[in-house]
Amino acid sequence: MRKQEMPGWVSALGILLGLAAGVWGLWCVWIGFVGGTMPLLGIHVEGGLLLGLLMLVVGEPLLMTVAYWVFLAVMLPIFLVATAGRRRA
């Protein structure tokens, strides 16, 4: 079985989604240190050193794992549709 090559625009979309997840995770860690409402989660925190470190060590890896699975679920159908024409040829 031949390995399917991913189209360039699908790779670019994956990179953009990965960068967005990284920025979102760092933003949530920053909110853990300074306080405020975490984006997309809607959780309001007062902030502080202990909460910021907890977000950095525990929260951010959990957020990135959830974001990875969500983006994988989004990218899989896109990849399958993008490579459908190439598989037949």
C-alpha atoms as a PDB file:
ATOM      1  CA  MET A   1       0.000   0.000   0.000  1.00  0.00           C
ATOM      2  CA  ARG A   2       1.348   3.413  -1.010  1.00  0.00           C
ATOM      3  CA  LYS A   3       1.733   6.158   1.543  1.00  0.00           C
ATOM      4  CA  GLN A   4      -0.586   9.095   0.787  1.00  0.00           C
ATOM      5  CA  GLU A   5       1.116  12.462   0.562  1.00  0.00           C
ATOM      6  CA  MET A   6      -0.668  15.305   2.295  1.00  0.00           C
ATOM      7  CA  PRO A   7      -1.557  18.353   0.159  1.00  0.00           C
ATOM      8  CA  GLY A   8       0.262  21.557   1.043  1.00  0.00           C
ATOM      9  CA  TRP A   9      -2.841  23.454   2.145  1.00  0.00           C
ATOM     10  CA  VAL A  10      -3.749  20.671   4.594  1.00  0.00           C
ATOM     11  CA  SER A  11      -0.255  20.850   6.100  1.00  0.00           C
ATOM     12  CA  ALA A  12      -0.535  24.625   6.380  1.00  0.00           C
ATOM     13  CA  LEU A  13      -3.921  24.315   8.075  1.00  0.00           C
ATOM     14  CA  GLY A  14      -2.476  21.819  10.556  1.00  0.00           C
ATOM     15  CA  ILE A  15       0.421  24.145  11.340  1.00  0.00           C
ATOM     16  CA  LEU A  16      -1.951  27.080  11.861  1.00  0.00           C
ATOM     17  CA  LEU A  17      -4.159  25.030  14.179  1.00  0.00           C
ATOM     18  CA  GLY A  18      -1.103  23.888  16.126  1.00  0.00           C
ATOM     19  CA  LEU A  19       0.140  27.456  16.496  1.00  0.00           C
ATOM     20  CA  ALA A  20      -3.316  28.577  17.607  1.00  0.00           C
ATOM     21  CA  ALA A  21      -3.362  25.836  20.261  1.00  0.00           C
ATOM     22  CA  GLY A  22       0.071  26.904  21.483  1.00  0.00           C
ATOM     23  CA  VAL A  23      -0.918  30.561  21.757  1.00  0.00           C
ATOM     24  CA  TRP A  24      -4.147  29.576  23.536  1.00  0.00           C
ATOM     25  CA  GLY A  25      -2.241  27.438  26.048  1.00  0.00           C
ATOM     26  CA  LEU A  26       0.283  30.197  26.763  1.00  0.00           C
ATOM     27  CA  TRP A  27      -2.557  32.703  27.130  1.00  0.00           C
ATOM     28  CA  CYS A  28      -4.242  30.453  29.704  1.00  0.00           C
ATOM     29  CA  VAL A  29      -0.955  30.120  31.630  1.00  0.00           C
ATOM     30  CA  TRP A  30      -0.529  33.901  31.563  1.00  0.00           C
ATOM     31  CA  ILE A  31      -4.069  34.344  32.915  1.00  0.00           C
ATOM     32  CA  GLY A  32      -3.147  31.868  35.669  1.00  0.00           C
ATOM     33  CA  PHE A  33      -0.344  34.194  36.758  1.00  0.00           C
ATOM     34  CA  VAL A  34      -2.055  37.579  36.406  1.00  0.00           C
ATOM     35  CA  GLY A  35      -5.754  36.741  36.791  1.00  0.00           C
ATOM     36  CA  GLY A  36      -8.731  37.185  34.516  1.00  0.00           C
ATOM     37  CA  THR A  37     -11.002  34.991  32.402  1.00  0.00           C
ATOM     38  CA  MET A  38      -9.435  32.133  30.468  1.00  0.00           C
ATOM     39  CA  PRO A  39     -10.228  32.255  26.743  1.00  0.00           C
ATOM     40  CA  LEU A  40     -12.605  29.599  25.367  1.00  0.00           C
ATOM     41  CA  LEU A  41     -13.026  28.137  28.854  1.00  0.00           C
ATOM     42  CA  GLY A  42     -14.819  31.058  30.498  1.00  0.00           C
ATOM     43  CA  ILE A  43     -13.230  30.304  33.888  1.00  0.00           C
ATOM     44  CA  HIS A  44     -12.452  33.397  35.938  1.00  0.00           C
ATOM     45  CA  VAL A  45      -9.400  33.159  38.224  1.00  0.00           C
ATOM     46  CA  GLU A  46      -7.774  35.643  40.556  1.00  0.00           C
ATOM     47  CA  GLY A  47      -4.253  34.665  39.517  1.00  0.00           C
ATOM     48  CA  GLY A  48      -1.091  34.350  41.530  1.00  0.00           C
ATOM     49  CA  LEU A  49       2.245  32.597  41.582  1.00  0.00           C
ATOM     50  CA  LEU A  50       0.929  29.255  42.836  1.00  0.00           C
ATOM     51  CA  LEU A  51      -1.950  29.127  40.338  1.00  0.00           C
ATOM     52  CA  GLY A  52       0.342  30.210  37.508  1.00  0.00           C
ATOM     53  CA  LEU A  53       2.842  27.476  38.291  1.00  0.00           C
ATOM     54  CA  LEU A  54       0.021  24.942  38.603  1.00  0.00           C
ATOM     55  CA  MET A  55      -1.285  26.017  35.193  1.00  0.00           C
ATOM     56  CA  LEU A  56       2.214  25.781  33.742  1.00  0.00           C
ATOM     57  CA  VAL A  57       2.967  22.300  35.093  1.00  0.00           C
ATOM     58  CA  VAL A  58      -0.483  20.643  35.062  1.00  0.00           C
ATOM     59  CA  GLY A  59      -3.029  22.810  33.252  1.00  0.00           C
ATOM     60  CA  GLU A  60      -1.152  23.607  30.059  1.00  0.00           C
ATOM     61  CA  PRO A  61      -0.231  19.977  29.248  1.00  0.00           C
ATOM     62  CA  LEU A  62      -3.863  18.977  29.832  1.00  0.00           C
ATOM     63  CA  LEU A  63      -5.108  21.806  27.615  1.00  0.00           C
ATOM     64  CA  MET A  64      -2.656  20.858  24.863  1.00  0.00           C
ATOM     65  CA  THR A  65      -3.721  17.203  25.038  1.00  0.00           C
ATOM     66  CA  VAL A  66      -7.382  18.140  24.679  1.00  0.00           C
ATOM     67  CA  ALA A  67      -6.552  20.569  21.861  1.00  0.00           C
ATOM     68  CA  TYR A  68      -4.527  17.848  20.109  1.00  0.00           C
ATOM     69  CA  TRP A  69      -7.451  15.423  20.099  1.00  0.00           C
ATOM     70  CA  VAL A  70      -9.924  18.101  18.987  1.00  0.00           C
ATOM     71  CA  PHE A  71      -7.671  19.215  16.139  1.00  0.00           C
ATOM     72  CA  LEU A  72      -7.017  15.593  15.166  1.00  0.00           C
ATOM     73  CA  ALA A  73     -10.778  15.036  14.936  1.00  0.00           C
ATOM     74  CA  VAL A  74     -11.058  18.171  12.773  1.00  0.00           C
ATOM     75  CA  MET A  75      -8.075  17.400  10.521  1.00  0.00           C
ATOM     76  CA  LEU A  76      -8.821  13.721   9.815  1.00  0.00           C
ATOM     77  CA  PRO A  77     -11.976  14.324   7.720  1.00  0.00           C
ATOM     78  CA  ILE A  78     -10.251  17.237   5.946  1.00  0.00           C
ATOM     79  CA  PHE A  79      -7.297  15.005   5.082  1.00  0.00           C
ATOM     80  CA  LEU A  80      -9.561  12.213   3.853  1.00  0.00           C
ATOM     81  CA  VAL A  81     -11.525  14.585   1.603  1.00  0.00           C
ATOM     82  CA  ALA A  82      -8.347  16.229   0.300  1.00  0.00           C
ATOM     83  CA  THR A  83      -6.730  12.912  -0.628  1.00  0.00           C
ATOM     84  CA  ALA A  84      -9.880  11.182  -1.956  1.00  0.00           C
ATOM     85  CA  GLY A  85      -9.173  12.181  -5.546  1.00  0.00           C
ATOM     86  CA  ARG A  86      -5.536  11.079  -5.341  1.00  0.00           C
ATOM     87  CA  ARG A  87      -6.413   7.611  -4.048  1.00  0.00           C
ATOM     88  CA  ARG A  88      -8.514   6.806  -7.104  1.00  0.00           C
ATOM     89  CA  ALA A  89      -5.833   7.839  -9.577  1.00  0.00           C
END
